[in-house]
Amino acid sequence: MATEKDPTASFYSENAVTYAANSAPSTRRLDVFLSKLAPGAVILELGCGSGRDSAVMIERGFDVTPTDGTPEMAEQAAKHLGRPVSVLRFGDIDAVSAFDGIWANACLLHAPRVELGGIFGRIHQALRPGGVFYASFKAGEAEGHDGLGRYYNYPSKAWLSAAYETFAWASVDIDEVQGSGYDKKPTDWLHVLAVKA
């Protein structure tokens, strides 16, 4: 999220409590992601929201660092998890070979298209060789805003594939499914699971 004044950041700041209360873990995708990691693997969660997914990973014995780009959301996650949650914006990821896995469920979809390549580079650098990276995006053809004023990069599968190809991944699997989101509207989703070479 670009600045505090942008409508996406404002939405999550102003609706943090409601948003956190209305979220449930992404168990199916999480199970696949975690199955590719060794027990106790070190995981960075980006855009952790309420902390729901981090809670599942911690429960299963993984070494998780939950983060969110919005201070108010990080505060909600900290309450839920009973531990500090750092405020981390995507452009500030500066770790090098520090994580076995990076989980970015429904958060990178808010990164401006022009910034996404650089963010993927930072994520790639933060992963150890063989590290696993999961992210999900709302599919589309052109960036825009939803009815709640939130910005989305709305990539197509081809556009997203090309963005990932810039970096050395051993594999990139993109799964297209229909579902919905916080706004309860029908949504085409792209779920991406990439393994660093």
N, C-alpha and C. Protein backbone atom coordinates (compact mmCIF):
# COMPACT_ATOMS: atom_id res chain seq x y z
N MET A 1 0.83 -1.17 0.00
CA MET A 1 0.00 0.00 0.00
C MET A 1 0.89 1.25 0.00
N ALA A 2 0.61 2.15 -0.88
CA ALA A 2 1.53 3.24 -1.15
C ALA A 2 1.71 4.22 0.02
N THR A 3 0.63 4.90 0.42
CA THR A 3 0.76 5.86 1.51
C THR A 3 -0.43 5.73 2.45
N GLU A 4 -0.32 6.37 3.60
CA GLU A 4 -1.41 6.32 4.58
C GLU A 4 -2.69 6.94 4.01
N LYS A 5 -2.53 7.90 3.04
CA LYS A 5 -3.70 8.60 2.53
C LYS A 5 -4.39 7.84 1.40
N ASP A 6 -3.81 6.74 0.95
CA ASP A 6 -4.47 6.07 -0.16
C ASP A 6 -5.70 5.33 0.36
N PRO A 7 -6.75 5.22 -0.48
CA PRO A 7 -8.03 4.68 -0.02
C PRO A 7 -7.94 3.23 0.48
N THR A 8 -7.01 2.46 -0.06
CA THR A 8 -6.87 1.06 0.38
C THR A 8 -6.36 1.01 1.82
N ALA A 9 -5.30 1.77 2.09
CA ALA A 9 -4.75 1.82 3.46
C ALA A 9 -5.81 2.37 4.41
N SER A 10 -6.54 3.40 3.98
CA SER A 10 -7.59 3.99 4.83
C SER A 10 -8.68 2.97 5.14
N PHE A 11 -9.06 2.17 4.14
CA PHE A 11 -10.10 1.15 4.37
C PHE A 11 -9.68 0.20 5.48
N TYR A 12 -8.45 -0.32 5.41
CA TYR A 12 -8.00 -1.29 6.41
C TYR A 12 -7.76 -0.64 7.77
N SER A 13 -7.33 0.63 7.78
CA SER A 13 -7.16 1.35 9.05
C SER A 13 -8.50 1.54 9.74
N GLU A 14 -9.49 2.00 8.97
CA GLU A 14 -10.80 2.34 9.54
C GLU A 14 -11.65 1.11 9.84
N ASN A 15 -11.42 0.02 9.13
CA ASN A 15 -12.26 -1.17 9.30
C ASN A 15 -11.53 -2.36 9.92
N ALA A 16 -10.40 -2.10 10.56
CA ALA A 16 -9.56 -3.19 11.09
C ALA A 16 -10.32 -4.14 12.01
N VAL A 17 -11.09 -3.60 12.93
CA VAL A 17 -11.80 -4.43 13.92
C VAL A 17 -12.85 -5.31 13.22
N THR A 18 -13.66 -4.70 12.35
CA THR A 18 -14.70 -5.44 11.61
C THR A 18 -14.09 -6.48 10.69
N TYR A 19 -13.05 -6.07 9.97
CA TYR A 19 -12.39 -6.97 9.02
C TYR A 19 -11.81 -8.18 9.75
N ALA A 20 -11.14 -7.93 10.87
CA ALA A 20 -10.53 -9.02 11.64
C ALA A 20 -11.58 -9.98 12.17
N ALA A 21 -12.73 -9.43 12.58
CA ALA A 21 -13.79 -10.27 13.14
C ALA A 21 -14.47 -11.15 12.10
N ASN A 22 -14.36 -10.75 10.82
CA ASN A 22 -15.05 -11.48 9.75
C ASN A 22 -14.12 -12.32 8.90
N SER A 23 -13.00 -12.75 9.47
CA SER A 23 -12.06 -13.52 8.66
C SER A 23 -11.85 -14.91 9.25
N ALA A 24 -11.72 -15.88 8.35
CA ALA A 24 -11.47 -17.27 8.75
C ALA A 24 -10.22 -17.77 8.03
N PRO A 25 -9.51 -18.75 8.61
CA PRO A 25 -8.27 -19.23 7.98
C PRO A 25 -8.49 -19.81 6.58
N SER A 26 -7.46 -19.67 5.73
CA SER A 26 -7.49 -20.21 4.35
C SER A 26 -6.92 -21.63 4.37
N THR A 27 -7.59 -22.51 5.11
CA THR A 27 -7.00 -23.81 5.43
C THR A 27 -6.57 -24.64 4.22
N ARG A 28 -7.39 -24.70 3.19
CA ARG A 28 -7.06 -25.57 2.05
C ARG A 28 -5.73 -25.17 1.41
N ARG A 29 -5.57 -23.89 1.12
CA ARG A 29 -4.33 -23.40 0.49
C ARG A 29 -3.16 -23.52 1.47
N LEU A 30 -3.44 -23.25 2.73
CA LEU A 30 -2.42 -23.30 3.77
C LEU A 30 -1.87 -24.72 3.92
N ASP A 31 -2.76 -25.71 3.85
CA ASP A 31 -2.34 -27.12 3.97
C ASP A 31 -1.34 -27.49 2.88
N VAL A 32 -1.62 -27.05 1.65
CA VAL A 32 -0.73 -27.36 0.52
C VAL A 32 0.62 -26.67 0.71
N PHE A 33 0.58 -25.39 1.09
CA PHE A 33 1.80 -24.61 1.33
C PHE A 33 2.65 -25.27 2.42
N LEU A 34 2.04 -25.59 3.54
CA LEU A 34 2.78 -26.16 4.68
C LEU A 34 3.30 -27.56 4.39
N SER A 35 2.60 -28.30 3.52
CA SER A 35 3.04 -29.66 3.18
C SER A 35 4.37 -29.66 2.43
N LYS A 36 4.72 -28.50 1.86
CA LYS A 36 5.98 -28.39 1.11
C LYS A 36 7.14 -27.94 1.99
N LEU A 37 6.87 -27.72 3.28
CA LEU A 37 7.89 -27.24 4.20
C LEU A 37 8.22 -28.28 5.27
N ALA A 38 9.46 -28.23 5.76
CA ALA A 38 9.88 -29.14 6.83
C ALA A 38 9.24 -28.71 8.14
N PRO A 39 9.05 -29.64 9.10
CA PRO A 39 8.51 -29.27 10.41
C PRO A 39 9.36 -28.16 11.03
N GLY A 40 8.69 -27.17 11.62
CA GLY A 40 9.40 -26.08 12.28
C GLY A 40 10.02 -25.06 11.35
N ALA A 41 9.68 -25.12 10.05
CA ALA A 41 10.25 -24.19 9.07
C ALA A 41 9.97 -22.74 9.46
N VAL A 42 10.85 -21.85 9.00
CA VAL A 42 10.75 -20.42 9.30
C VAL A 42 9.92 -19.73 8.21
N ILE A 43 8.81 -19.11 8.63
CA ILE A 43 7.85 -18.54 7.68
C ILE A 43 7.61 -17.06 7.96
N LEU A 44 7.57 -16.26 6.90
CA LEU A 44 7.17 -14.85 6.98
C LEU A 44 5.77 -14.74 6.42
N GLU A 45 4.85 -14.17 7.19
CA GLU A 45 3.53 -13.89 6.63
C GLU A 45 3.42 -12.41 6.34
N LEU A 46 3.07 -12.08 5.10
CA LEU A 46 2.83 -10.71 4.68
C LEU A 46 1.32 -10.45 4.72
N GLY A 47 0.92 -9.25 5.10
CA GLY A 47 -0.50 -8.91 5.13
C GLY A 47 -1.30 -9.88 5.96
N CYS A 48 -0.89 -10.09 7.20
CA CYS A 48 -1.51 -11.15 8.02
C CYS A 48 -2.93 -10.83 8.46
N GLY A 49 -3.38 -9.57 8.28
CA GLY A 49 -4.75 -9.23 8.65
C GLY A 49 -5.03 -9.53 10.11
N SER A 50 -6.02 -10.37 10.37
CA SER A 50 -6.41 -10.70 11.75
C SER A 50 -5.42 -11.63 12.45
N GLY A 51 -4.48 -12.20 11.67
CA GLY A 51 -3.54 -13.17 12.24
C GLY A 51 -4.06 -14.59 12.18
N ARG A 52 -5.19 -14.80 11.49
CA ARG A 52 -5.84 -16.12 11.44
C ARG A 52 -4.94 -17.21 10.86
N ASP A 53 -4.24 -16.91 9.76
CA ASP A 53 -3.40 -17.93 9.13
C ASP A 53 -2.13 -18.18 9.95
N SER A 54 -1.56 -17.10 10.49
CA SER A 54 -0.39 -17.26 11.37
C SER A 54 -0.73 -18.14 12.57
N ALA A 55 -1.94 -17.96 13.11
CA ALA A 55 -2.36 -18.76 14.27
C ALA A 55 -2.32 -20.25 13.95
N VAL A 56 -2.80 -20.61 12.75
CA VAL A 56 -2.81 -22.02 12.33
C VAL A 56 -1.37 -22.53 12.20
N MET A 57 -0.51 -21.72 11.57
CA MET A 57 0.88 -22.14 11.36
C MET A 57 1.62 -22.30 12.68
N ILE A 58 1.39 -21.37 13.61
CA ILE A 58 2.04 -21.44 14.93
C ILE A 58 1.57 -22.68 15.67
N GLU A 59 0.26 -22.93 15.60
CA GLU A 59 -0.34 -24.12 16.24
C GLU A 59 0.32 -25.40 15.72
N ARG A 60 0.69 -25.39 14.46
CA ARG A 60 1.29 -26.59 13.84
C ARG A 60 2.81 -26.65 14.01
N GLY A 61 3.34 -25.74 14.82
CA GLY A 61 4.76 -25.83 15.17
C GLY A 61 5.73 -25.11 14.27
N PHE A 62 5.23 -24.24 13.38
CA PHE A 62 6.13 -23.50 12.50
C PHE A 62 6.61 -22.22 13.20
N ASP A 63 7.78 -21.74 12.78
CA ASP A 63 8.38 -20.53 13.34
C ASP A 63 7.93 -19.36 12.47
N VAL A 64 6.87 -18.68 12.89
CA VAL A 64 6.20 -17.70 12.05
C VAL A 64 6.46 -16.26 12.49
N THR A 65 6.72 -15.40 11.49
CA THR A 65 6.81 -13.95 11.72
C THR A 65 5.62 -13.31 11.02
N PRO A 66 4.54 -12.98 11.77
CA PRO A 66 3.39 -12.33 11.15
C PRO A 66 3.65 -10.83 10.98
N THR A 67 3.27 -10.27 9.84
CA THR A 67 3.42 -8.83 9.59
C THR A 67 2.20 -8.31 8.83
N ASP A 68 1.97 -7.01 8.92
CA ASP A 68 0.92 -6.38 8.12
C ASP A 68 1.37 -4.96 7.80
N GLY A 69 0.91 -4.44 6.68
CA GLY A 69 1.31 -3.09 6.26
C GLY A 69 0.52 -1.98 6.93
N THR A 70 -0.59 -2.34 7.61
CA THR A 70 -1.45 -1.35 8.26
C THR A 70 -1.31 -1.49 9.78
N PRO A 71 -0.88 -0.43 10.47
CA PRO A 71 -0.69 -0.53 11.93
C PRO A 71 -1.91 -1.05 12.69
N GLU A 72 -3.10 -0.60 12.27
CA GLU A 72 -4.32 -1.03 12.97
C GLU A 72 -4.59 -2.52 12.78
N MET A 73 -4.27 -3.05 11.60
CA MET A 73 -4.45 -4.49 11.37
C MET A 73 -3.41 -5.27 12.17
N ALA A 74 -2.17 -4.76 12.20
CA ALA A 74 -1.11 -5.42 12.97
C ALA A 74 -1.51 -5.50 14.44
N GLU A 75 -2.17 -4.45 14.92
CA GLU A 75 -2.64 -4.40 16.32
C GLU A 75 -3.71 -5.48 16.56
N GLN A 76 -4.64 -5.64 15.61
CA GLN A 76 -5.68 -6.68 15.74
C GLN A 76 -5.05 -8.08 15.75
N ALA A 77 -4.07 -8.27 14.87
CA ALA A 77 -3.40 -9.57 14.79
C ALA A 77 -2.64 -9.86 16.09
N ALA A 78 -2.00 -8.84 16.64
CA ALA A 78 -1.25 -9.01 17.89
C ALA A 78 -2.18 -9.43 19.03
N LYS A 79 -3.39 -8.84 19.07
CA LYS A 79 -4.38 -9.22 20.09
C LYS A 79 -4.79 -10.68 19.92
N HIS A 80 -5.03 -11.06 18.67
CA HIS A 80 -5.46 -12.42 18.36
C HIS A 80 -4.36 -13.44 18.69
N LEU A 81 -3.12 -13.10 18.36
CA LEU A 81 -2.01 -14.05 18.49
C LEU A 81 -1.34 -14.00 19.86
N GLY A 82 -1.55 -12.90 20.59
CA GLY A 82 -0.91 -12.76 21.89
C GLY A 82 0.60 -12.59 21.78
N ARG A 83 1.02 -11.96 20.68
CA ARG A 83 2.45 -11.68 20.47
C ARG A 83 2.56 -10.46 19.57
N PRO A 84 3.72 -9.78 19.59
CA PRO A 84 3.86 -8.59 18.75
C PRO A 84 3.79 -8.94 17.25
N VAL A 85 3.20 -8.03 16.51
CA VAL A 85 3.12 -8.18 15.04
C VAL A 85 3.70 -6.91 14.43
N SER A 86 4.75 -7.06 13.64
CA SER A 86 5.42 -5.89 13.05
C SER A 86 4.64 -5.31 11.88
N VAL A 87 4.78 -3.99 11.72
CA VAL A 87 4.23 -3.32 10.54
C VAL A 87 5.32 -3.40 9.47
N LEU A 88 5.00 -4.08 8.39
CA LEU A 88 5.97 -4.24 7.29
C LEU A 88 5.27 -4.00 5.96
N ARG A 89 5.74 -3.00 5.25
CA ARG A 89 5.21 -2.75 3.90
C ARG A 89 6.03 -3.56 2.90
N PHE A 90 5.38 -3.94 1.82
CA PHE A 90 6.03 -4.83 0.85
C PHE A 90 7.37 -4.29 0.35
N GLY A 91 7.43 -2.98 0.11
CA GLY A 91 8.65 -2.37 -0.41
C GLY A 91 9.78 -2.30 0.60
N ASP A 92 9.47 -2.64 1.86
CA ASP A 92 10.49 -2.59 2.91
C ASP A 92 11.05 -3.96 3.28
N ILE A 93 10.65 -4.99 2.56
CA ILE A 93 11.19 -6.33 2.82
C ILE A 93 12.67 -6.30 2.44
N ASP A 94 13.54 -6.56 3.41
CA ASP A 94 14.98 -6.48 3.10
C ASP A 94 15.77 -7.69 3.59
N ALA A 95 15.07 -8.75 3.99
CA ALA A 95 15.75 -9.96 4.47
C ALA A 95 16.45 -10.67 3.30
N VAL A 96 17.51 -11.40 3.62
CA VAL A 96 18.25 -12.17 2.61
C VAL A 96 18.35 -13.62 3.08
N SER A 97 17.84 -14.54 2.27
CA SER A 97 17.89 -15.98 2.57
C SER A 97 17.52 -16.28 4.03
N ALA A 98 16.43 -15.65 4.50
CA ALA A 98 16.05 -15.77 5.91
C ALA A 98 14.87 -16.70 6.16
N PHE A 99 14.08 -16.99 5.11
CA PHE A 99 12.84 -17.75 5.31
C PHE A 99 12.74 -18.99 4.42
N ASP A 100 12.12 -20.03 4.99
CA ASP A 100 11.84 -21.25 4.22
C ASP A 100 10.54 -21.09 3.44
N GLY A 101 9.66 -20.21 3.93
CA GLY A 101 8.40 -19.99 3.26
C GLY A 101 7.92 -18.56 3.46
N ILE A 102 7.21 -18.03 2.46
CA ILE A 102 6.57 -16.71 2.58
C ILE A 102 5.12 -16.87 2.15
N TRP A 103 4.22 -16.52 3.06
CA TRP A 103 2.78 -16.66 2.85
C TRP A 103 2.19 -15.26 2.67
N ALA A 104 1.58 -15.01 1.51
CA ALA A 104 1.02 -13.69 1.20
C ALA A 104 -0.40 -13.87 0.65
N ASN A 105 -1.32 -14.23 1.55
CA ASN A 105 -2.69 -14.50 1.13
C ASN A 105 -3.48 -13.20 0.97
N ALA A 106 -4.00 -12.97 -0.23
CA ALA A 106 -4.88 -11.82 -0.51
C ALA A 106 -4.34 -10.50 0.02
N CYS A 107 -3.05 -10.24 -0.22
CA CYS A 107 -2.49 -8.95 0.19
C CYS A 107 -1.69 -8.29 -0.94
N LEU A 108 -0.89 -9.07 -1.66
CA LEU A 108 -0.11 -8.50 -2.77
C LEU A 108 -1.02 -8.01 -3.90
N LEU A 109 -2.28 -8.40 -3.87
CA LEU A 109 -3.24 -7.94 -4.88
C LEU A 109 -3.49 -6.44 -4.76
N HIS A 110 -3.04 -5.83 -3.63
CA HIS A 110 -3.18 -4.38 -3.45
C HIS A 110 -1.92 -3.61 -3.89
N ALA A 111 -0.84 -4.31 -4.24
CA ALA A 111 0.39 -3.63 -4.65
C ALA A 111 0.24 -3.09 -6.07
N PRO A 112 0.61 -1.83 -6.31
CA PRO A 112 0.52 -1.30 -7.67
C PRO A 112 1.29 -2.18 -8.66
N ARG A 113 0.74 -2.37 -9.83
CA ARG A 113 1.38 -3.22 -10.85
C ARG A 113 2.84 -2.84 -11.09
N VAL A 114 3.11 -1.53 -11.13
CA VAL A 114 4.48 -1.08 -11.42
C VAL A 114 5.46 -1.47 -10.31
N GLU A 115 4.95 -1.74 -9.10
CA GLU A 115 5.81 -2.10 -7.98
C GLU A 115 5.94 -3.61 -7.77
N LEU A 116 5.06 -4.38 -8.41
CA LEU A 116 4.98 -5.81 -8.13
C LEU A 116 6.27 -6.57 -8.46
N GLY A 117 6.91 -6.23 -9.58
CA GLY A 117 8.17 -6.89 -9.95
C GLY A 117 9.24 -6.72 -8.89
N GLY A 118 9.38 -5.49 -8.39
CA GLY A 118 10.35 -5.21 -7.34
C GLY A 118 10.04 -5.96 -6.05
N ILE A 119 8.76 -6.06 -5.74
CA ILE A 119 8.32 -6.79 -4.53
C ILE A 119 8.64 -8.28 -4.69
N PHE A 120 8.35 -8.83 -5.87
CA PHE A 120 8.69 -10.25 -6.11
C PHE A 120 10.20 -10.46 -5.94
N GLY A 121 11.00 -9.49 -6.39
CA GLY A 121 12.45 -9.59 -6.24
C GLY A 121 12.86 -9.63 -4.78
N ARG A 122 12.23 -8.78 -3.96
CA ARG A 122 12.53 -8.74 -2.53
C ARG A 122 12.13 -10.06 -1.85
N ILE A 123 10.98 -10.60 -2.26
CA ILE A 123 10.51 -11.86 -1.69
C ILE A 123 11.44 -13.00 -2.09
N HIS A 124 11.83 -13.02 -3.35
CA HIS A 124 12.74 -14.05 -3.86
C HIS A 124 14.05 -14.02 -3.07
N GLN A 125 14.57 -12.81 -2.83
CA GLN A 125 15.82 -12.64 -2.09
C GLN A 125 15.67 -13.08 -0.63
N ALA A 126 14.50 -12.86 -0.06
CA ALA A 126 14.26 -13.20 1.35
C ALA A 126 14.13 -14.70 1.58
N LEU A 127 13.82 -15.44 0.52
CA LEU A 127 13.67 -16.90 0.63
C LEU A 127 15.01 -17.62 0.55
N ARG A 128 15.11 -18.71 1.26
CA ARG A 128 16.27 -19.59 1.13
C ARG A 128 16.09 -20.42 -0.15
N PRO A 129 17.17 -21.00 -0.70
CA PRO A 129 17.01 -21.87 -1.86
C PRO A 129 16.01 -22.99 -1.53
N GLY A 130 15.10 -23.25 -2.47
CA GLY A 130 14.06 -24.25 -2.24
C GLY A 130 12.89 -23.72 -1.44
N GLY A 131 12.94 -22.41 -1.09
CA GLY A 131 11.87 -21.79 -0.32
C GLY A 131 10.57 -21.71 -1.10
N VAL A 132 9.45 -21.71 -0.37
CA VAL A 132 8.12 -21.75 -0.98
C VAL A 132 7.41 -20.40 -0.77
N PHE A 133 6.81 -19.89 -1.84
CA PHE A 133 6.12 -18.60 -1.81
C PHE A 133 4.70 -18.76 -2.33
N TYR A 134 3.72 -18.42 -1.46
CA TYR A 134 2.31 -18.47 -1.87
C TYR A 134 1.75 -17.06 -1.89
N ALA A 135 0.99 -16.74 -2.94
CA ALA A 135 0.28 -15.46 -3.01
C ALA A 135 -1.02 -15.67 -3.79
N SER A 136 -2.02 -14.84 -3.50
CA SER A 136 -3.29 -14.93 -4.24
C SER A 136 -3.69 -13.55 -4.73
N PHE A 137 -4.33 -13.55 -5.90
CA PHE A 137 -4.71 -12.31 -6.58
C PHE A 137 -6.12 -12.42 -7.13
N LYS A 138 -6.83 -11.28 -7.18
CA LYS A 138 -8.11 -11.25 -7.87
C LYS A 138 -7.78 -11.05 -9.35
N ALA A 139 -8.30 -11.92 -10.20
CA ALA A 139 -7.97 -11.88 -11.63
C ALA A 139 -8.71 -10.77 -12.35
N GLY A 140 -8.09 -10.29 -13.43
CA GLY A 140 -8.71 -9.27 -14.27
C GLY A 140 -7.80 -8.92 -15.42
N GLU A 141 -8.09 -7.83 -16.07
CA GLU A 141 -7.27 -7.42 -17.22
C GLU A 141 -6.61 -6.06 -16.99
N ALA A 142 -7.18 -5.26 -16.09
CA ALA A 142 -6.64 -3.92 -15.85
C ALA A 142 -6.80 -3.54 -14.38
N GLU A 143 -5.82 -2.82 -13.85
CA GLU A 143 -5.89 -2.42 -12.44
C GLU A 143 -7.06 -1.46 -12.22
N GLY A 144 -7.57 -1.45 -10.98
CA GLY A 144 -8.70 -0.58 -10.68
C GLY A 144 -9.10 -0.68 -9.21
N HIS A 145 -10.27 -0.14 -8.89
CA HIS A 145 -10.75 -0.14 -7.50
C HIS A 145 -12.07 -0.91 -7.40
N ASP A 146 -12.31 -1.50 -6.22
CA ASP A 146 -13.58 -2.20 -6.01
C ASP A 146 -14.60 -1.23 -5.43
N GLY A 147 -15.80 -1.72 -5.13
CA GLY A 147 -16.89 -0.88 -4.62
C GLY A 147 -16.60 -0.29 -3.25
N LEU A 148 -15.60 -0.82 -2.55
CA LEU A 148 -15.23 -0.30 -1.23
C LEU A 148 -14.07 0.69 -1.31
N GLY A 149 -13.64 0.99 -2.56
CA GLY A 149 -12.57 1.96 -2.76
C GLY A 149 -11.17 1.39 -2.71
N ARG A 150 -11.06 0.06 -2.54
CA ARG A 150 -9.72 -0.55 -2.44
C ARG A 150 -9.10 -0.75 -3.82
N TYR A 151 -7.82 -0.43 -3.94
CA TYR A 151 -7.09 -0.64 -5.20
C TYR A 151 -6.74 -2.12 -5.35
N TYR A 152 -6.87 -2.64 -6.58
CA TYR A 152 -6.42 -4.01 -6.92
C TYR A 152 -5.61 -3.97 -8.21
N ASN A 153 -4.60 -4.83 -8.28
CA ASN A 153 -3.80 -4.88 -9.52
C ASN A 153 -4.46 -5.77 -10.59
N TYR A 154 -5.44 -6.58 -10.22
CA TYR A 154 -6.25 -7.39 -11.15
C TYR A 154 -5.45 -7.97 -12.33
N PRO A 155 -4.45 -8.83 -12.10
CA PRO A 155 -3.68 -9.37 -13.22
C PRO A 155 -4.41 -10.53 -13.92
N SER A 156 -4.05 -10.75 -15.17
CA SER A 156 -4.50 -11.97 -15.86
C SER A 156 -3.47 -13.05 -15.52
N LYS A 157 -3.80 -14.29 -15.80
CA LYS A 157 -2.86 -15.39 -15.54
C LYS A 157 -1.58 -15.19 -16.36
N ALA A 158 -1.71 -14.76 -17.61
CA ALA A 158 -0.54 -14.56 -18.48
C ALA A 158 0.34 -13.42 -17.95
N TRP A 159 -0.29 -12.33 -17.51
CA TRP A 159 0.46 -11.18 -16.99
C TRP A 159 1.24 -11.60 -15.74
N LEU A 160 0.56 -12.35 -14.87
CA LEU A 160 1.19 -12.77 -13.62
C LEU A 160 2.34 -13.75 -13.88
N SER A 161 2.13 -14.67 -14.81
CA SER A 161 3.19 -15.63 -15.18
C SER A 161 4.44 -14.89 -15.62
N ALA A 162 4.25 -13.87 -16.46
CA ALA A 162 5.38 -13.09 -16.98
C ALA A 162 6.10 -12.36 -15.84
N ALA A 163 5.35 -11.85 -14.87
CA ALA A 163 5.94 -11.13 -13.74
C ALA A 163 6.81 -12.08 -12.89
N TYR A 164 6.37 -13.31 -12.72
CA TYR A 164 7.14 -14.28 -11.95
C TYR A 164 8.38 -14.74 -12.71
N GLU A 165 8.28 -14.84 -14.03
CA GLU A 165 9.37 -15.38 -14.85
C GLU A 165 10.67 -14.59 -14.77
N THR A 166 10.60 -13.35 -14.26
CA THR A 166 11.79 -12.52 -14.13
C THR A 166 12.80 -13.10 -13.15
N PHE A 167 12.33 -13.98 -12.24
CA PHE A 167 13.20 -14.51 -11.19
C PHE A 167 13.37 -16.02 -11.31
N ALA A 168 14.40 -16.55 -10.64
CA ALA A 168 14.72 -17.97 -10.77
C ALA A 168 13.89 -18.83 -9.83
N TRP A 169 12.76 -19.31 -10.35
CA TRP A 169 11.90 -20.23 -9.61
C TRP A 169 12.07 -21.62 -10.19
N ALA A 170 12.10 -22.63 -9.34
CA ALA A 170 12.16 -24.01 -9.82
C ALA A 170 10.80 -24.40 -10.40
N SER A 171 9.74 -23.83 -9.83
CA SER A 171 8.39 -24.06 -10.35
C SER A 171 7.47 -22.92 -9.96
N VAL A 172 6.49 -22.64 -10.82
CA VAL A 172 5.45 -21.65 -10.53
C VAL A 172 4.13 -22.26 -10.99
N ASP A 173 3.24 -22.55 -10.04
CA ASP A 173 1.94 -23.12 -10.37
C ASP A 173 0.86 -22.08 -10.08
N ILE A 174 0.05 -21.79 -11.10
CA ILE A 174 -1.04 -20.82 -10.95
C ILE A 174 -2.37 -21.54 -11.13
N ASP A 175 -3.17 -21.50 -10.08
CA ASP A 175 -4.47 -22.17 -10.06
C ASP A 175 -5.57 -21.11 -10.17
N GLU A 176 -6.47 -21.27 -11.15
CA GLU A 176 -7.57 -20.32 -11.34
C GLU A 176 -8.84 -20.91 -10.74
N VAL A 177 -9.47 -20.18 -9.82
CA VAL A 177 -10.72 -20.67 -9.22
C VAL A 177 -11.71 -19.53 -9.05
N GLN A 178 -12.99 -19.88 -8.92
CA GLN A 178 -14.00 -18.88 -8.65
C GLN A 178 -14.33 -18.91 -7.16
N GLY A 179 -14.55 -17.73 -6.62
CA GLY A 179 -14.87 -17.64 -5.20
C GLY A 179 -15.46 -16.27 -4.92
N SER A 180 -15.20 -15.76 -3.70
CA SER A 180 -15.63 -14.41 -3.37
C SER A 180 -14.63 -13.82 -2.40
N GLY A 181 -14.91 -12.64 -1.89
CA GLY A 181 -14.00 -11.99 -0.95
C GLY A 181 -14.77 -11.32 0.15
N TYR A 182 -14.15 -10.35 0.81
CA TYR A 182 -14.76 -9.63 1.92
C TYR A 182 -16.06 -8.96 1.50
N ASP A 183 -16.11 -8.50 0.22
CA ASP A 183 -17.31 -7.81 -0.27
C ASP A 183 -18.41 -8.78 -0.72
N LYS A 184 -18.15 -10.08 -0.58
CA LYS A 184 -19.11 -11.16 -0.90
C LYS A 184 -19.51 -11.22 -2.37
N LYS A 185 -18.76 -10.56 -3.25
CA LYS A 185 -19.08 -10.57 -4.68
C LYS A 185 -18.35 -11.72 -5.37
N PRO A 186 -18.95 -12.31 -6.43
CA PRO A 186 -18.26 -13.38 -7.17
C PRO A 186 -16.92 -12.86 -7.69
N THR A 187 -15.87 -13.66 -7.50
CA THR A 187 -14.51 -13.23 -7.84
C THR A 187 -13.74 -14.37 -8.48
N ASP A 188 -12.99 -14.05 -9.55
CA ASP A 188 -12.06 -15.03 -10.12
C ASP A 188 -10.73 -14.82 -9.42
N TRP A 189 -10.21 -15.89 -8.82
CA TRP A 189 -8.97 -15.83 -8.06
C TRP A 189 -7.84 -16.55 -8.78
N LEU A 190 -6.63 -16.05 -8.61
CA LEU A 190 -5.41 -16.72 -9.08
C LEU A 190 -4.58 -17.05 -7.84
N HIS A 191 -4.36 -18.32 -7.60
CA HIS A 191 -3.55 -18.78 -6.46
C HIS A 191 -2.21 -19.23 -7.01
N VAL A 192 -1.12 -18.62 -6.53
CA VAL A 192 0.21 -18.92 -7.07
C VAL A 192 1.10 -19.55 -6.00
N LEU A 193 1.68 -20.70 -6.36
CA LEU A 193 2.63 -21.38 -5.45
C LEU A 193 3.93 -21.51 -6.23
N ALA A 194 4.97 -20.83 -5.74
CA ALA A 194 6.26 -20.83 -6.42
C ALA A 194 7.34 -21.38 -5.49
N VAL A 195 8.28 -22.12 -6.05
CA VAL A 195 9.39 -22.67 -5.29
C VAL A 195 10.68 -22.08 -5.84
N LYS A 196 11.50 -21.50 -4.96
CA LYS A 196 12.74 -20.87 -5.39
C LYS A 196 13.75 -21.92 -5.85
N ALA A 197 14.43 -21.62 -6.95
CA ALA A 197 15.42 -22.56 -7.49
C ALA A 197 16.58 -22.71 -6.51
